[in-house]
Amino acid sequence: MAVDSPRARTERALAELVATEGPRAVTVARIRAAARVDQSVAADVVRQWRSTQRVGATDEVAAPATEDETRAFEALRAIIRQAVLTERATQDDAVNQAASAAAEEAEEARQMTIRIAEDLEKEKATTAEQATTIATLQAELAAATAEADRLRDEVTHQREVASTAREEAAEARGKLFVYEQQATAQPAQATESAAPTTDGEQSAATTTTTSKKKA
């Protein structure tokens, strides 16, 4: 593959212009525009070509071209023109392929950007859903903690009530025991008190009887 340097493009443009329009049409501006090169490159190629033309002009006047030479020259001109057109077509194809590849890459980049944006939106939605779930779980945990504290306080209260009830029951049992002891002791005391009274009455009765007998 030949190297498409700026100078090579300039020389091809010059040859095409000479072949299609003749030497008088050659100017630095036209060569520069046709080859798409810098001013210095176009000027150097044109200057070198003109110096070659001047050298040829100082030579002896050549004899008129024969018919065969004219046909050969025209054939050469046609070959050069075709080569130029082919080169331009090749360059156009290369430009079109490059443009097509750039368009495909741009489309791929656009699609990738869309996918990334969609993924970000999904991640945002997932994050929001997770945040809502976490908030709900935190609220449920707080409610469960409050309920556990309430139940713990209630159990503590019930324990205090049970302890108080046990103390009251123990106190009641103590009082009941005392009452039972007292109730058991009172009949015995009553029996003991009744026995001496009977003996006195018997003594009195005996004394009365004796007195009556004496009388």
Protein backbone atom coordinates (compact mmCIF):
# COMPACT_ATOMS: atom_id res chain seq x y z
CA MET A 1 0.00 0.00 0.00
CA ALA A 2 1.53 3.30 -1.07
CA VAL A 3 2.06 6.02 1.53
CA ASP A 4 -0.42 8.85 0.90
CA SER A 5 1.85 11.73 1.92
CA PRO A 6 0.92 15.40 1.40
CA ARG A 7 3.55 15.75 -1.32
CA ALA A 8 2.28 12.65 -3.16
CA ARG A 9 -1.26 14.01 -3.07
CA THR A 10 -0.01 17.36 -4.37
CA GLU A 11 1.85 15.77 -7.25
CA ARG A 12 -1.21 13.70 -8.20
CA ALA A 13 -3.41 16.80 -8.12
CA LEU A 14 -0.91 18.63 -10.32
CA ALA A 15 -0.78 15.79 -12.84
CA GLU A 16 -4.58 15.61 -12.96
CA LEU A 17 -4.92 19.34 -13.50
CA VAL A 18 -2.34 19.33 -16.28
CA ALA A 19 -3.99 16.31 -17.90
CA THR A 20 -7.50 17.73 -17.76
CA GLU A 21 -7.00 21.49 -18.24
CA GLY A 22 -3.44 21.95 -19.45
CA PRO A 23 -0.34 23.58 -17.95
CA ARG A 24 -1.81 27.10 -18.01
CA ALA A 25 -4.40 26.09 -15.42
CA VAL A 26 -1.76 25.28 -12.80
CA THR A 27 -1.77 27.65 -9.82
CA VAL A 28 -0.67 27.20 -6.22
CA ALA A 29 -4.17 27.95 -4.96
CA ARG A 30 -5.83 25.33 -7.18
CA ILE A 31 -3.24 22.68 -6.40
CA ARG A 32 -3.52 23.40 -2.69
CA ALA A 33 -7.32 23.16 -2.80
CA ALA A 34 -7.30 19.98 -4.89
CA ALA A 35 -4.69 18.19 -2.74
CA ARG A 36 -5.89 19.62 0.59
CA VAL A 37 -2.35 20.41 1.74
CA ASP A 38 -0.50 23.33 3.25
CA GLN A 39 0.45 26.38 1.22
CA SER A 40 4.16 25.61 1.51
CA VAL A 41 3.81 22.07 0.13
CA ALA A 42 1.68 23.20 -2.83
CA ALA A 43 4.03 26.09 -3.61
CA ASP A 44 7.10 23.86 -3.52
CA VAL A 45 5.59 21.28 -5.89
CA VAL A 46 4.38 23.94 -8.32
CA ARG A 47 7.74 25.73 -8.25
CA GLN A 48 9.58 22.48 -8.97
CA TRP A 49 7.17 21.66 -11.81
CA ARG A 50 7.54 25.14 -13.35
CA SER A 51 11.31 24.91 -13.19
CA THR A 52 11.08 21.65 -15.08
CA GLN A 53 8.81 23.29 -17.65
CA ARG A 54 11.27 26.17 -18.11
CA VAL A 55 14.14 23.77 -18.68
CA GLY A 56 12.09 21.98 -21.31
CA ALA A 57 11.22 25.29 -23.00
CA THR A 58 14.90 26.18 -23.50
CA ASP A 59 15.55 22.96 -25.40
CA GLU A 60 15.31 22.77 -29.12
CA VAL A 61 11.85 23.02 -30.54
CA ALA A 62 10.55 19.53 -30.91
CA ALA A 63 9.05 18.34 -34.10
CA PRO A 64 5.24 18.24 -34.29
CA ALA A 65 3.78 15.13 -32.74
CA THR A 66 2.71 12.41 -35.07
CA GLU A 67 -0.75 10.93 -35.04
CA ASP A 68 0.50 7.92 -33.12
CA GLU A 69 2.20 10.12 -30.58
CA THR A 70 -0.97 12.18 -30.19
CA ARG A 71 -3.05 9.05 -29.66
CA ALA A 72 -0.48 7.80 -27.16
CA PHE A 73 -0.56 11.11 -25.36
CA GLU A 74 -4.35 11.07 -25.22
CA ALA A 75 -4.29 7.47 -24.00
CA LEU A 76 -1.79 8.43 -21.33
CA ARG A 77 -3.96 11.36 -20.34
CA ALA A 78 -6.99 9.03 -20.09
CA ILE A 79 -5.01 6.58 -17.98
CA ILE A 80 -3.90 9.36 -15.66
CA ARG A 81 -7.46 10.69 -15.41
CA GLN A 82 -8.77 7.19 -14.64
CA ALA A 83 -6.07 6.65 -12.05
CA VAL A 84 -6.98 9.94 -10.42
CA LEU A 85 -10.66 9.05 -10.42
CA THR A 86 -9.91 5.62 -8.98
CA GLU A 87 -7.76 7.16 -6.29
CA ARG A 88 -10.50 9.62 -5.45
CA ALA A 89 -13.05 6.79 -5.31
CA THR A 90 -10.76 4.83 -3.02
CA GLN A 91 -10.33 7.86 -0.81
CA ASP A 92 -14.08 8.47 -0.83
CA ASP A 93 -14.70 4.84 0.11
CA ALA A 94 -12.18 5.13 2.91
CA VAL A 95 -13.83 8.34 4.11
CA ASN A 96 -17.27 6.75 3.89
CA GLN A 97 -16.10 3.67 5.76
CA ALA A 98 -14.49 5.83 8.42
CA ALA A 99 -17.64 7.91 8.70
CA SER A 100 -19.76 4.75 8.89
CA ALA A 101 -17.51 3.27 11.57
CA ALA A 102 -17.62 6.54 13.51
CA ALA A 103 -21.41 6.58 13.24
CA GLU A 104 -21.60 2.99 14.48
CA GLU A 105 -19.31 3.78 17.38
CA ALA A 106 -21.39 6.85 18.21
CA GLU A 107 -24.56 4.74 18.14
CA GLU A 108 -22.94 2.12 20.36
CA ALA A 109 -21.84 4.85 22.75
CA ARG A 110 -25.37 6.27 22.75
CA GLN A 111 -26.89 2.85 23.45
CA MET A 112 -24.36 2.26 26.20
CA THR A 113 -25.20 5.65 27.71
CA ILE A 114 -28.89 4.75 27.64
CA ARG A 115 -28.20 1.39 29.30
CA ILE A 116 -26.06 3.03 31.96
CA ALA A 117 -28.79 5.59 32.62
CA GLU A 118 -31.40 2.83 32.87
CA ASP A 119 -29.16 0.84 35.24
CA LEU A 120 -28.68 3.93 37.39
CA GLU A 121 -32.44 4.50 37.51
CA LYS A 122 -32.96 0.85 38.51
CA GLU A 123 -30.31 1.16 41.19
CA LYS A 124 -31.96 4.33 42.47
CA ALA A 125 -35.33 2.59 42.57
CA THR A 126 -33.81 -0.42 44.33
CA THR A 127 -32.05 1.84 46.81
CA ALA A 128 -35.30 3.71 47.49
CA GLU A 129 -37.16 0.43 47.97
CA GLN A 130 -34.46 -0.83 50.31
CA ALA A 131 -34.58 2.42 52.25
CA THR A 132 -38.36 2.05 52.61
CA THR A 133 -37.98 -1.55 53.75
CA ILE A 134 -35.30 -0.57 56.26
CA ALA A 135 -37.48 2.24 57.61
CA THR A 136 -40.41 -0.17 57.96
CA LEU A 137 -38.26 -2.75 59.75
CA GLN A 138 -36.86 -0.06 62.04
CA ALA A 139 -40.40 1.06 62.90
CA GLU A 140 -41.43 -2.55 63.58
CA LEU A 141 -38.33 -3.07 65.71
CA ALA A 142 -39.09 0.08 67.69
CA ALA A 143 -42.69 -1.09 68.22
CA ALA A 144 -41.49 -4.55 69.27
CA THR A 145 -38.98 -3.00 71.66
CA ALA A 146 -41.68 -0.81 73.18
CA GLU A 147 -43.98 -3.83 73.54
CA ALA A 148 -41.17 -5.84 75.16
CA ASP A 149 -40.54 -2.99 77.60
CA ARG A 150 -44.24 -2.83 78.39
CA LEU A 151 -44.43 -6.57 78.97
CA ARG A 152 -41.30 -6.45 81.11
CA ASP A 153 -42.80 -3.65 83.21
CA GLU A 154 -46.05 -5.61 83.49
CA VAL A 155 -44.20 -8.75 84.58
CA THR A 156 -42.29 -6.72 87.14
CA HIS A 157 -45.56 -5.27 88.40
CA GLN A 158 -47.14 -8.71 88.53
CA ARG A 159 -44.16 -9.99 90.47
CA GLU A 160 -44.53 -7.15 92.93
CA VAL A 161 -48.26 -7.89 93.22
CA ALA A 162 -47.54 -11.58 93.72
CA SER A 163 -44.89 -10.81 96.33
CA THR A 164 -47.30 -8.53 98.16
CA ALA A 165 -50.00 -11.20 97.94
CA ARG A 166 -47.59 -13.80 99.33
CA GLU A 167 -46.69 -11.48 102.20
CA GLU A 168 -50.36 -10.82 102.90
CA ALA A 169 -51.09 -14.54 102.72
CA ALA A 170 -48.26 -15.27 105.14
CA GLU A 171 -49.53 -12.58 107.47
CA ALA A 172 -53.05 -13.97 107.20
CA ARG A 173 -51.77 -17.47 107.96
CA GLY A 174 -49.97 -16.12 110.98
CA LYS A 175 -53.09 -14.39 112.22
CA LEU A 176 -55.12 -17.51 111.55
CA PHE A 177 -52.65 -19.60 113.51
CA VAL A 178 -52.90 -17.20 116.43
CA TYR A 179 -56.70 -17.27 116.25
CA GLU A 180 -56.67 -21.06 116.15
CA GLN A 181 -54.38 -21.18 119.16
CA GLN A 182 -56.58 -18.78 121.01
CA ALA A 183 -59.70 -20.69 120.02
CA THR A 184 -58.15 -23.94 121.24
CA ALA A 185 -57.02 -22.43 124.50
CA GLN A 186 -60.39 -20.84 125.46
CA PRO A 187 -62.41 -24.12 125.96
CA ALA A 188 -59.65 -25.50 128.15
CA GLN A 189 -59.68 -22.41 130.31
CA ALA A 190 -63.45 -22.55 130.50
CA THR A 191 -63.31 -26.18 131.71
CA GLU A 192 -60.73 -25.37 134.32
CA SER A 193 -62.80 -22.45 135.61
CA ALA A 194 -65.95 -24.51 135.87
CA ALA A 195 -64.41 -27.28 138.06
CA PRO A 196 -63.64 -25.20 141.23
CA THR A 197 -67.10 -23.69 141.22
CA THR A 198 -68.67 -27.13 141.44
CA ASP A 199 -66.51 -28.06 144.44
CA GLY A 200 -67.60 -24.90 146.26
CA GLU A 201 -71.18 -25.60 145.56
CA GLN A 202 -70.74 -29.14 146.86
CA SER A 203 -69.12 -27.79 150.05
CA ALA A 204 -71.95 -25.36 150.50
CA ALA A 205 -74.50 -28.07 149.91
CA THR A 206 -72.72 -30.30 152.40
CA THR A 207 -72.70 -27.54 155.01
CA THR A 208 -76.38 -26.85 154.48
CA THR A 209 -77.23 -30.50 154.82
CA THR A 210 -75.22 -30.80 157.97
CA SER A 211 -76.89 -27.80 159.45
CA LYS A 212 -80.24 -29.15 158.65
CA LYS A 213 -79.37 -32.43 160.33
CA LYS A 214 -78.24 -30.69 163.48
CA ALA A 215 -81.45 -28.81 163.69
